[in-house]
Amino acid sequence: MNASAAAPEQWCVRTTDTNVVVLTIPGHLSRTRSFDVDVQLRVRLPVASRRPELGLSLEIDGSLQWSRTIAGSMPGEVDTLEYHCRLRLEPGRDSRLRARATARQCALVSLSLSAVEERG
């Protein structure tokens, strides 16, 4: 079976008990690949919280790609913060993605990071 007929690669990591996740995508020996990267933070906001904040950042290969902190807006509910980007990997190159969450006056529900290969 040739590489173009193979199913797209999918890499994913998810946690419910820590504020950092790391995902390493191994390099391919002979082809360039593009990935759709998604990172999502979900937190539960207490009804009586005072100024809850949720923050999320994404590093790719040690460099900050994106970072944002927002005020929680749904007391008593689950709130989310998400980021999406594309990642291009040249042949033979691994890539290390690291997502970090912060939650002030709210509780972590989940932190997930995924990369799905784009085929076109």
C-alpha atoms as a PDB file:
ATOM      1  CA  MET A   1       0.000   0.000   0.000  1.00  0.00           C
ATOM      2  CA  ASN A   2       1.433   3.405  -0.895  1.00  0.00           C
ATOM      3  CA  ALA A   3       1.666   6.296   1.591  1.00  0.00           C
ATOM      4  CA  SER A   4      -1.048   8.358  -0.105  1.00  0.00           C
ATOM      5  CA  ALA A   5      -3.600   5.557   0.385  1.00  0.00           C
ATOM      6  CA  ALA A   6      -2.851   5.146   4.106  1.00  0.00           C
ATOM      7  CA  ALA A   7      -5.171   6.670   6.671  1.00  0.00           C
ATOM      8  CA  PRO A   8      -4.183  10.152   7.897  1.00  0.00           C
ATOM      9  CA  GLU A   9      -2.064  10.188  11.046  1.00  0.00           C
ATOM     10  CA  GLN A  10      -3.774  11.179  14.276  1.00  0.00           C
ATOM     11  CA  TRP A  11      -1.978  12.053  17.507  1.00  0.00           C
ATOM     12  CA  CYS A  12      -3.794  12.987  20.704  1.00  0.00           C
ATOM     13  CA  VAL A  13      -3.200  13.446  24.410  1.00  0.00           C
ATOM     14  CA  ARG A  14      -5.796  14.357  27.049  1.00  0.00           C
ATOM     15  CA  THR A  15      -5.670  14.843  30.797  1.00  0.00           C
ATOM     16  CA  THR A  16      -8.134  15.581  33.570  1.00  0.00           C
ATOM     17  CA  ASP A  17      -5.651  15.989  36.412  1.00  0.00           C
ATOM     18  CA  THR A  18      -2.687  18.119  35.334  1.00  0.00           C
ATOM     19  CA  ASN A  19      -2.240  21.481  33.671  1.00  0.00           C
ATOM     20  CA  VAL A  20       0.394  20.455  31.089  1.00  0.00           C
ATOM     21  CA  VAL A  21       0.246  18.021  28.164  1.00  0.00           C
ATOM     22  CA  VAL A  22       3.032  17.178  25.729  1.00  0.00           C
ATOM     23  CA  LEU A  23       2.641  15.587  22.309  1.00  0.00           C
ATOM     24  CA  THR A  24       5.559  14.514  20.120  1.00  0.00           C
ATOM     25  CA  ILE A  25       4.928  13.823  16.445  1.00  0.00           C
ATOM     26  CA  PRO A  26       7.723  11.682  15.014  1.00  0.00           C
ATOM     27  CA  GLY A  27       9.302  12.645  11.717  1.00  0.00           C
ATOM     28  CA  HIS A  28       8.593  10.747   8.525  1.00  0.00           C
ATOM     29  CA  LEU A  29      11.616   9.670   6.524  1.00  0.00           C
ATOM     30  CA  SER A  30      10.441  10.606   3.050  1.00  0.00           C
ATOM     31  CA  ARG A  31       7.537  13.055   2.976  1.00  0.00           C
ATOM     32  CA  THR A  32       6.404  16.447   4.181  1.00  0.00           C
ATOM     33  CA  ARG A  33       3.238  16.373   6.275  1.00  0.00           C
ATOM     34  CA  SER A  34       0.755  19.027   7.388  1.00  0.00           C
ATOM     35  CA  PHE A  35      -1.298  18.736  10.565  1.00  0.00           C
ATOM     36  CA  ASP A  36      -4.373  20.481  11.899  1.00  0.00           C
ATOM     37  CA  VAL A  37      -3.529  21.130  15.556  1.00  0.00           C
ATOM     38  CA  ASP A  38      -6.247  21.653  18.176  1.00  0.00           C
ATOM     39  CA  VAL A  39      -5.785  22.471  21.844  1.00  0.00           C
ATOM     40  CA  GLN A  40      -8.738  22.788  24.216  1.00  0.00           C
ATOM     41  CA  LEU A  41      -9.081  23.702  27.888  1.00  0.00           C
ATOM     42  CA  ARG A  42     -12.320  22.976  29.750  1.00  0.00           C
ATOM     43  CA  VAL A  43     -12.902  24.279  33.286  1.00  0.00           C
ATOM     44  CA  ARG A  44     -15.823  24.267  35.698  1.00  0.00           C
ATOM     45  CA  LEU A  45     -16.654  27.667  37.139  1.00  0.00           C
ATOM     46  CA  PRO A  46     -18.083  27.657  40.664  1.00  0.00           C
ATOM     47  CA  VAL A  47     -21.313  29.626  41.093  1.00  0.00           C
ATOM     48  CA  ALA A  48     -19.770  31.887  43.719  1.00  0.00           C
ATOM     49  CA  SER A  49     -16.320  32.402  42.197  1.00  0.00           C
ATOM     50  CA  ARG A  50     -14.820  35.885  42.215  1.00  0.00           C
ATOM     51  CA  ARG A  51     -13.251  36.861  38.894  1.00  0.00           C
ATOM     52  CA  PRO A  52     -12.412  33.408  37.531  1.00  0.00           C
ATOM     53  CA  GLU A  53      -9.788  33.252  34.786  1.00  0.00           C
ATOM     54  CA  LEU A  54      -8.711  30.544  32.415  1.00  0.00           C
ATOM     55  CA  GLY A  55      -5.520  30.622  30.416  1.00  0.00           C
ATOM     56  CA  LEU A  56      -4.033  28.485  27.698  1.00  0.00           C
ATOM     57  CA  SER A  57      -0.730  28.505  25.842  1.00  0.00           C
ATOM     58  CA  LEU A  58       0.819  26.379  23.101  1.00  0.00           C
ATOM     59  CA  GLU A  59       4.524  25.905  22.459  1.00  0.00           C
ATOM     60  CA  ILE A  60       5.834  24.223  19.330  1.00  0.00           C
ATOM     61  CA  ASP A  61       9.408  22.983  19.475  1.00  0.00           C
ATOM     62  CA  GLY A  62      10.125  25.197  22.486  1.00  0.00           C
ATOM     63  CA  SER A  63       8.784  28.434  20.973  1.00  0.00           C
ATOM     64  CA  LEU A  64       5.595  30.074  22.162  1.00  0.00           C
ATOM     65  CA  GLN A  65       3.030  29.800  19.356  1.00  0.00           C
ATOM     66  CA  TRP A  66       0.016  31.287  21.143  1.00  0.00           C
ATOM     67  CA  SER A  67      -1.135  32.341  24.613  1.00  0.00           C
ATOM     68  CA  ARG A  68      -4.319  33.823  25.994  1.00  0.00           C
ATOM     69  CA  THR A  69      -6.036  34.404  29.343  1.00  0.00           C
ATOM     70  CA  ILE A  70      -9.727  35.256  29.552  1.00  0.00           C
ATOM     71  CA  ALA A  71     -12.275  35.881  32.267  1.00  0.00           C
ATOM     72  CA  GLY A  72     -14.649  33.016  32.955  1.00  0.00           C
ATOM     73  CA  SER A  73     -18.102  33.885  31.721  1.00  0.00           C
ATOM     74  CA  MET A  74     -20.446  31.097  32.800  1.00  0.00           C
ATOM     75  CA  PRO A  75     -20.637  30.696  36.622  1.00  0.00           C
ATOM     76  CA  GLY A  76     -21.898  27.251  37.569  1.00  0.00           C
ATOM     77  CA  GLU A  77     -21.115  25.860  34.100  1.00  0.00           C
ATOM     78  CA  VAL A  78     -18.199  24.512  32.070  1.00  0.00           C
ATOM     79  CA  ASP A  79     -16.259  27.140  30.119  1.00  0.00           C
ATOM     80  CA  THR A  80     -13.747  26.516  27.331  1.00  0.00           C
ATOM     81  CA  LEU A  81     -10.752  28.131  25.683  1.00  0.00           C
ATOM     82  CA  GLU A  82      -9.499  26.716  22.362  1.00  0.00           C
ATOM     83  CA  TYR A  83      -6.832  27.337  19.775  1.00  0.00           C
ATOM     84  CA  HIS A  84      -6.360  25.874  16.283  1.00  0.00           C
ATOM     85  CA  CYS A  85      -3.385  26.116  13.928  1.00  0.00           C
ATOM     86  CA  ARG A  86      -1.603  24.255  11.144  1.00  0.00           C
ATOM     87  CA  LEU A  87       1.784  22.626  11.480  1.00  0.00           C
ATOM     88  CA  ARG A  88       4.018  21.626   8.574  1.00  0.00           C
ATOM     89  CA  LEU A  89       6.682  18.976   9.195  1.00  0.00           C
ATOM     90  CA  GLU A  90       9.531  18.487   6.761  1.00  0.00           C
ATOM     91  CA  PRO A  91      10.880  14.941   6.187  1.00  0.00           C
ATOM     92  CA  GLY A  92      12.895  13.550   9.097  1.00  0.00           C
ATOM     93  CA  ARG A  93      11.842  16.266  11.542  1.00  0.00           C
ATOM     94  CA  ASP A  94      10.086  15.488  14.841  1.00  0.00           C
ATOM     95  CA  SER A  95       7.920  18.134  16.477  1.00  0.00           C
ATOM     96  CA  ARG A  96       7.177  18.601  20.179  1.00  0.00           C
ATOM     97  CA  LEU A  97       3.963  20.388  21.152  1.00  0.00           C
ATOM     98  CA  ARG A  98       3.316  21.495  24.713  1.00  0.00           C
ATOM     99  CA  ALA A  99       0.043  22.955  26.006  1.00  0.00           C
ATOM    100  CA  ARG A 100      -0.182  24.600  29.422  1.00  0.00           C
ATOM    101  CA  ALA A 101      -3.380  25.612  31.204  1.00  0.00           C
ATOM    102  CA  THR A 102      -3.984  28.002  34.065  1.00  0.00           C
ATOM    103  CA  ALA A 103      -7.184  28.117  36.073  1.00  0.00           C
ATOM    104  CA  ARG A 104      -7.841  30.737  38.739  1.00  0.00           C
ATOM    105  CA  GLN A 105     -11.003  30.405  40.814  1.00  0.00           C
ATOM    106  CA  CYS A 106     -12.120  27.458  38.648  1.00  0.00           C
ATOM    107  CA  ALA A 107     -11.465  23.717  38.394  1.00  0.00           C
ATOM    108  CA  LEU A 108      -9.822  21.848  35.524  1.00  0.00           C
ATOM    109  CA  VAL A 109     -12.197  19.513  33.692  1.00  0.00           C
ATOM    110  CA  SER A 110      -9.843  18.545  30.837  1.00  0.00           C
ATOM    111  CA  LEU A 111      -6.921  19.674  28.734  1.00  0.00           C
ATOM    112  CA  SER A 112      -6.459  18.108  25.304  1.00  0.00           C
ATOM    113  CA  LEU A 113      -4.035  18.468  22.428  1.00  0.00           C
ATOM    114  CA  SER A 114      -4.452  16.764  19.069  1.00  0.00           C
ATOM    115  CA  ALA A 115      -2.852  16.794  15.640  1.00  0.00           C
ATOM    116  CA  VAL A 116      -4.608  15.299  12.614  1.00  0.00           C
ATOM    117  CA  GLU A 117      -2.774  14.992   9.330  1.00  0.00           C
ATOM    118  CA  GLU A 118      -4.332  16.934   6.476  1.00  0.00           C
ATOM    119  CA  ARG A 119      -4.591  15.076   3.214  1.00  0.00           C
ATOM    120  CA  GLY A 120      -5.494  16.806   0.049  1.00  0.00           C
END
